[in-house]
Amino acid sequence: MLDTNCDPNLCEVPIPCNDDAVRSVQLILGRLADAINEGRKGSNAERKN
Protein backbone atom coordinates (compact mmCIF):
# COMPACT_ATOMS: atom_id res chain seq x y z
CA MET A 1 0.00 0.00 0.00
CA LEU A 2 1.57 3.23 -1.16
CA ASP A 3 0.88 6.76 -0.14
CA THR A 4 2.05 9.78 -2.14
CA ASN A 5 5.33 9.94 -0.22
CA CYS A 6 6.39 6.36 -1.11
CA ASP A 7 8.71 5.10 -3.84
CA PRO A 8 6.64 2.76 -6.09
CA ASN A 9 9.83 1.25 -7.51
CA LEU A 10 10.41 -0.61 -4.25
CA CYS A 11 7.47 -3.00 -4.57
CA GLU A 12 6.14 -5.48 -7.12
CA VAL A 13 2.42 -4.76 -6.77
CA PRO A 14 1.78 -1.17 -5.72
CA ILE A 15 -1.65 -0.41 -4.29
CA PRO A 16 -2.26 3.34 -4.20
CA CYS A 17 -4.10 4.48 -1.10
CA ASN A 18 -4.13 6.94 1.73
CA ASP A 19 -2.32 5.09 4.49
CA ASP A 20 -3.25 7.81 6.97
CA ALA A 21 -6.98 7.08 6.66
CA VAL A 22 -8.08 4.18 8.86
CA ARG A 23 -11.08 3.51 6.65
CA SER A 24 -8.86 3.12 3.57
CA VAL A 25 -6.61 0.60 5.31
CA GLN A 26 -9.62 -1.33 6.67
CA LEU A 27 -11.14 -1.55 3.19
CA ILE A 28 -7.98 -2.90 1.54
CA LEU A 29 -7.19 -5.36 4.33
CA GLY A 30 -10.81 -6.53 4.47
CA ARG A 31 -10.77 -7.35 0.75
CA LEU A 32 -7.43 -9.09 1.14
CA ALA A 33 -8.73 -11.19 4.03
CA ASP A 34 -11.83 -12.13 2.01
CA ALA A 35 -9.65 -13.27 -0.89
CA ILE A 36 -7.43 -15.34 1.41
CA ASN A 37 -10.45 -17.03 3.00
CA GLU A 38 -11.97 -17.77 -0.39
CA GLY A 39 -8.69 -19.27 -1.57
CA ARG A 40 -8.47 -21.46 1.51
CA LYS A 41 -12.00 -22.76 0.95
CA GLY A 42 -11.13 -23.68 -2.63
CA SER A 43 -7.92 -25.36 -1.53
CA ASN A 44 -9.75 -27.46 1.07
CA ALA A 45 -12.41 -28.51 -1.48
CA GLU A 46 -9.71 -29.69 -3.87
CA ARG A 47 -8.05 -31.81 -1.17
CA LYS A 48 -11.33 -33.62 -0.41
CA ASN A 49 -11.70 -34.69 -4.06
PDB file of N, CA and C in Angstrom:
ATOM      1  N   MET A   1       0.846  -1.160   0.000  1.00  0.00           N
ATOM      2  CA  MET A   1       0.000   0.000   0.000  1.00  0.00           C
ATOM      3  C   MET A   1       0.899   1.232   0.000  1.00  0.00           C
ATOM      4  N   LEU A   2       0.700   2.069  -0.999  1.00  0.00           N
ATOM      5  CA  LEU A   2       1.572   3.229  -1.161  1.00  0.00           C
ATOM      6  C   LEU A   2       0.817   4.537  -1.023  1.00  0.00           C
ATOM      7  N   ASP A   3       1.390   5.408  -0.262  1.00  0.00           N
ATOM      8  CA  ASP A   3       0.879   6.764  -0.144  1.00  0.00           C
ATOM      9  C   ASP A   3       1.689   7.641  -1.104  1.00  0.00           C
ATOM     10  N   THR A   4       1.372   8.899  -1.192  1.00  0.00           N
ATOM     11  CA  THR A   4       2.048   9.785  -2.144  1.00  0.00           C
ATOM     12  C   THR A   4       3.519   9.997  -1.815  1.00  0.00           C
ATOM     13  N   ASN A   5       3.931   9.726  -0.590  1.00  0.00           N
ATOM     14  CA  ASN A   5       5.326   9.940  -0.216  1.00  0.00           C
ATOM     15  C   ASN A   5       6.162   8.650  -0.276  1.00  0.00           C
ATOM     16  N   CYS A   6       5.687   7.623  -0.985  1.00  0.00           N
ATOM     17  CA  CYS A   6       6.393   6.358  -1.112  1.00  0.00           C
ATOM     18  C   CYS A   6       7.023   6.212  -2.496  1.00  0.00           C
ATOM     19  N   ASP A   7       8.050   5.392  -2.564  1.00  0.00           N
ATOM     20  CA  ASP A   7       8.706   5.102  -3.844  1.00  0.00           C
ATOM     21  C   ASP A   7       8.079   3.835  -4.434  1.00  0.00           C
ATOM     22  N   PRO A   8       7.305   3.931  -5.512  1.00  0.00           N
ATOM     23  CA  PRO A   8       6.636   2.763  -6.094  1.00  0.00           C
ATOM     24  C   PRO A   8       7.600   1.763  -6.726  1.00  0.00           C
ATOM     25  N   ASN A   9       8.837   2.153  -6.925  1.00  0.00           N
ATOM     26  CA  ASN A   9       9.825   1.250  -7.513  1.00  0.00           C
ATOM     27  C   ASN A   9      10.303   0.194  -6.529  1.00  0.00           C
ATOM     28  N   LEU A  10       9.951   0.322  -5.268  1.00  0.00           N
ATOM     29  CA  LEU A  10      10.414  -0.615  -4.249  1.00  0.00           C
ATOM     30  C   LEU A  10       9.488  -1.808  -4.035  1.00  0.00           C
ATOM     31  N   CYS A  11       8.386  -1.883  -4.762  1.00  0.00           N
ATOM     32  CA  CYS A  11       7.466  -3.002  -4.569  1.00  0.00           C
ATOM     33  C   CYS A  11       6.997  -3.551  -5.917  1.00  0.00           C
ATOM     34  N   GLU A  12       6.575  -4.811  -5.892  1.00  0.00           N
ATOM     35  CA  GLU A  12       6.141  -5.481  -7.122  1.00  0.00           C
ATOM     36  C   GLU A  12       4.708  -5.136  -7.501  1.00  0.00           C
ATOM     37  N   VAL A  13       3.833  -5.037  -6.513  1.00  0.00           N
ATOM     38  CA  VAL A  13       2.420  -4.758  -6.775  1.00  0.00           C
ATOM     39  C   VAL A  13       1.999  -3.548  -5.942  1.00  0.00           C
ATOM     40  N   PRO A  14       2.164  -2.357  -6.488  1.00  0.00           N
ATOM     41  CA  PRO A  14       1.778  -1.171  -5.718  1.00  0.00           C
ATOM     42  C   PRO A  14       0.260  -0.994  -5.662  1.00  0.00           C
ATOM     43  N   ILE A  15      -0.226  -0.688  -4.488  1.00  0.00           N
ATOM     44  CA  ILE A  15      -1.650  -0.409  -4.295  1.00  0.00           C
ATOM     45  C   ILE A  15      -1.740   1.031  -3.791  1.00  0.00           C
ATOM     46  N   PRO A  16      -2.176   1.953  -4.644  1.00  0.00           N
ATOM     47  CA  PRO A  16      -2.261   3.338  -4.204  1.00  0.00           C
ATOM     48  C   PRO A  16      -3.383   3.522  -3.190  1.00  0.00           C
ATOM     49  N   CYS A  17      -3.075   4.212  -2.116  1.00  0.00           N
ATOM     50  CA  CYS A  17      -4.101   4.478  -1.097  1.00  0.00           C
ATOM     51  C   CYS A  17      -3.610   5.560  -0.150  1.00  0.00           C
ATOM     52  N   ASN A  18      -4.471   5.987   0.689  1.00  0.00           N
ATOM     53  CA  ASN A  18      -4.131   6.938   1.730  1.00  0.00           C
ATOM     54  C   ASN A  18      -3.889   6.143   3.005  1.00  0.00           C
ATOM     55  N   ASP A  19      -2.625   5.911   3.329  1.00  0.00           N
ATOM     56  CA  ASP A  19      -2.321   5.087   4.492  1.00  0.00           C
ATOM     57  C   ASP A  19      -2.570   5.807   5.819  1.00  0.00           C
ATOM     58  N   ASP A  20      -2.925   7.062   5.759  1.00  0.00           N
ATOM     59  CA  ASP A  20      -3.254   7.806   6.973  1.00  0.00           C
ATOM     60  C   ASP A  20      -4.733   7.687   7.336  1.00  0.00           C
ATOM     61  N   ALA A  21      -5.546   7.210   6.409  1.00  0.00           N
ATOM     62  CA  ALA A  21      -6.977   7.084   6.656  1.00  0.00           C
ATOM     63  C   ALA A  21      -7.300   5.651   7.099  1.00  0.00           C
ATOM     64  N   VAL A  22      -7.777   5.498   8.307  1.00  0.00           N
ATOM     65  CA  VAL A  22      -8.077   4.183   8.860  1.00  0.00           C
ATOM     66  C   VAL A  22      -9.077   3.453   7.976  1.00  0.00           C
ATOM     67  N   ARG A  23     -10.047   4.144   7.475  1.00  0.00           N
ATOM     68  CA  ARG A  23     -11.077   3.506   6.646  1.00  0.00           C
ATOM     69  C   ARG A  23     -10.478   2.913   5.363  1.00  0.00           C
ATOM     70  N   SER A  24      -9.525   3.596   4.773  1.00  0.00           N
ATOM     71  CA  SER A  24      -8.863   3.118   3.573  1.00  0.00           C
ATOM     72  C   SER A  24      -8.106   1.814   3.851  1.00  0.00           C
ATOM     73  N   VAL A  25      -7.371   1.793   4.933  1.00  0.00           N
ATOM     74  CA  VAL A  25      -6.612   0.596   5.310  1.00  0.00           C
ATOM     75  C   VAL A  25      -7.560  -0.550   5.633  1.00  0.00           C
ATOM     76  N   GLN A  26      -8.640  -0.289   6.348  1.00  0.00           N
ATOM     77  CA  GLN A  26      -9.621  -1.325   6.674  1.00  0.00           C
ATOM     78  C   GLN A  26     -10.242  -1.916   5.411  1.00  0.00           C
ATOM     79  N   LEU A  27     -10.542  -1.090   4.431  1.00  0.00           N
ATOM     80  CA  LEU A  27     -11.141  -1.553   3.186  1.00  0.00           C
ATOM     81  C   LEU A  27     -10.194  -2.498   2.453  1.00  0.00           C
ATOM     82  N   ILE A  28      -8.961  -2.089   2.262  1.00  0.00           N
ATOM     83  CA  ILE A  28      -7.980  -2.905   1.544  1.00  0.00           C
ATOM     84  C   ILE A  28      -7.722  -4.216   2.283  1.00  0.00           C
ATOM     85  N   LEU A  29      -7.488  -4.150   3.573  1.00  0.00           N
ATOM     86  CA  LEU A  29      -7.193  -5.362   4.333  1.00  0.00           C
ATOM     87  C   LEU A  29      -8.405  -6.286   4.430  1.00  0.00           C
ATOM     88  N   GLY A  30      -9.597  -5.716   4.466  1.00  0.00           N
ATOM     89  CA  GLY A  30     -10.814  -6.530   4.474  1.00  0.00           C
ATOM     90  C   GLY A  30     -10.958  -7.316   3.179  1.00  0.00           C
ATOM     91  N   ARG A  31     -10.709  -6.667   2.054  1.00  0.00           N
ATOM     92  CA  ARG A  31     -10.771  -7.353   0.750  1.00  0.00           C
ATOM     93  C   ARG A  31      -9.693  -8.424   0.649  1.00  0.00           C
ATOM     94  N   LEU A  32      -8.512  -8.121   1.156  1.00  0.00           N
ATOM     95  CA  LEU A  32      -7.427  -9.087   1.139  1.00  0.00           C
ATOM     96  C   LEU A  32      -7.774 -10.309   1.990  1.00  0.00           C
ATOM     97  N   ALA A  33      -8.330 -10.091   3.162  1.00  0.00           N
ATOM     98  CA  ALA A  33      -8.734 -11.191   4.032  1.00  0.00           C
ATOM     99  C   ALA A  33      -9.828 -12.031   3.374  1.00  0.00           C
ATOM    100  N   ASP A  34     -10.774 -11.397   2.720  1.00  0.00           N
ATOM    101  CA  ASP A  34     -11.828 -12.132   2.009  1.00  0.00           C
ATOM    102  C   ASP A  34     -11.240 -13.019   0.924  1.00  0.00           C
ATOM    103  N   ALA A  35     -10.280 -12.498   0.175  1.00  0.00           N
ATOM    104  CA  ALA A  35      -9.651 -13.272  -0.893  1.00  0.00           C
ATOM    105  C   ALA A  35      -8.865 -14.456  -0.329  1.00  0.00           C
ATOM    106  N   ILE A  36      -8.182 -14.251   0.778  1.00  0.00           N
ATOM    107  CA  ILE A  36      -7.435 -15.342   1.413  1.00  0.00           C
ATOM    108  C   ILE A  36      -8.392 -16.432   1.877  1.00  0.00           C
ATOM    109  N   ASN A  37      -9.467 -16.049   2.524  1.00  0.00           N
ATOM    110  CA  ASN A  37     -10.445 -17.029   3.000  1.00  0.00           C
ATOM    111  C   ASN A  37     -11.083 -17.798   1.851  1.00  0.00           C
ATOM    112  N   GLU A  38     -11.389 -17.116   0.783  1.00  0.00           N
ATOM    113  CA  GLU A  38     -11.974 -17.768  -0.388  1.00  0.00           C
ATOM    114  C   GLU A  38     -10.979 -18.760  -0.999  1.00  0.00           C
ATOM    115  N   GLY A  39      -9.727 -18.377  -1.058  1.00  0.00           N
ATOM    116  CA  GLY A  39      -8.689 -19.267  -1.570  1.00  0.00           C
ATOM    117  C   GLY A  39      -8.515 -20.494  -0.698  1.00  0.00           C
ATOM    118  N   ARG A  40      -8.596 -20.327   0.593  1.00  0.00           N
ATOM    119  CA  ARG A  40      -8.471 -21.462   1.515  1.00  0.00           C
ATOM    120  C   ARG A  40      -9.641 -22.425   1.344  1.00  0.00           C
ATOM    121  N   LYS A  41     -10.832 -21.908   1.164  1.00  0.00           N
ATOM    122  CA  LYS A  41     -12.001 -22.764   0.953  1.00  0.00           C
ATOM    123  C   LYS A  41     -11.828 -23.594  -0.308  1.00  0.00           C
ATOM    124  N   GLY A  42     -11.357 -22.975  -1.377  1.00  0.00           N
ATOM    125  CA  GLY A  42     -11.131 -23.681  -2.634  1.00  0.00           C
ATOM    126  C   GLY A  42     -10.058 -24.734  -2.490  1.00  0.00           C
ATOM    127  N   SER A  43      -9.019 -24.424  -1.739  1.00  0.00           N
ATOM    128  CA  SER A  43      -7.923 -25.360  -1.529  1.00  0.00           C
ATOM    129  C   SER A  43      -8.400 -26.574  -0.740  1.00  0.00           C
ATOM    130  N   ASN A  44      -9.217 -26.354   0.271  1.00  0.00           N
ATOM    131  CA  ASN A  44      -9.749 -27.459   1.075  1.00  0.00           C
ATOM    132  C   ASN A  44     -10.692 -28.331   0.252  1.00  0.00           C
ATOM    133  N   ALA A  45     -11.482 -27.743  -0.622  1.00  0.00           N
ATOM    134  CA  ALA A  45     -12.414 -28.505  -1.478  1.00  0.00           C
ATOM    135  C   ALA A  45     -11.644 -29.399  -2.440  1.00  0.00           C
ATOM    136  N   GLU A  46     -10.519 -28.903  -2.970  1.00  0.00           N
ATOM    137  CA  GLU A  46      -9.711 -29.689  -3.875  1.00  0.00           C
ATOM    138  C   GLU A  46      -9.067 -30.885  -3.174  1.00  0.00           C
ATOM    139  N   ARG A  47      -8.680 -30.710  -1.930  1.00  0.00           N
ATOM    140  CA  ARG A  47      -8.052 -31.810  -1.174  1.00  0.00           C
ATOM    141  C   ARG A  47      -9.032 -32.942  -0.901  1.00  0.00           C
ATOM    142  N   LYS A  48     -10.309 -32.597  -0.715  1.00  0.00           N
ATOM    143  CA  LYS A  48     -11.330 -33.618  -0.415  1.00  0.00           C
ATOM    144  C   LYS A  48     -11.626 -34.472  -1.624  1.00  0.00           C
ATOM    145  N   ASN A  49     -11.409 -33.943  -2.837  1.00  0.00           N
ATOM    146  CA  ASN A  49     -11.702 -34.687  -4.061  1.00  0.00           C
ATOM    147  C   ASN A  49     -10.566 -35.552  -4.366  1.00  0.00           C
TER     148      ASN A  49
END
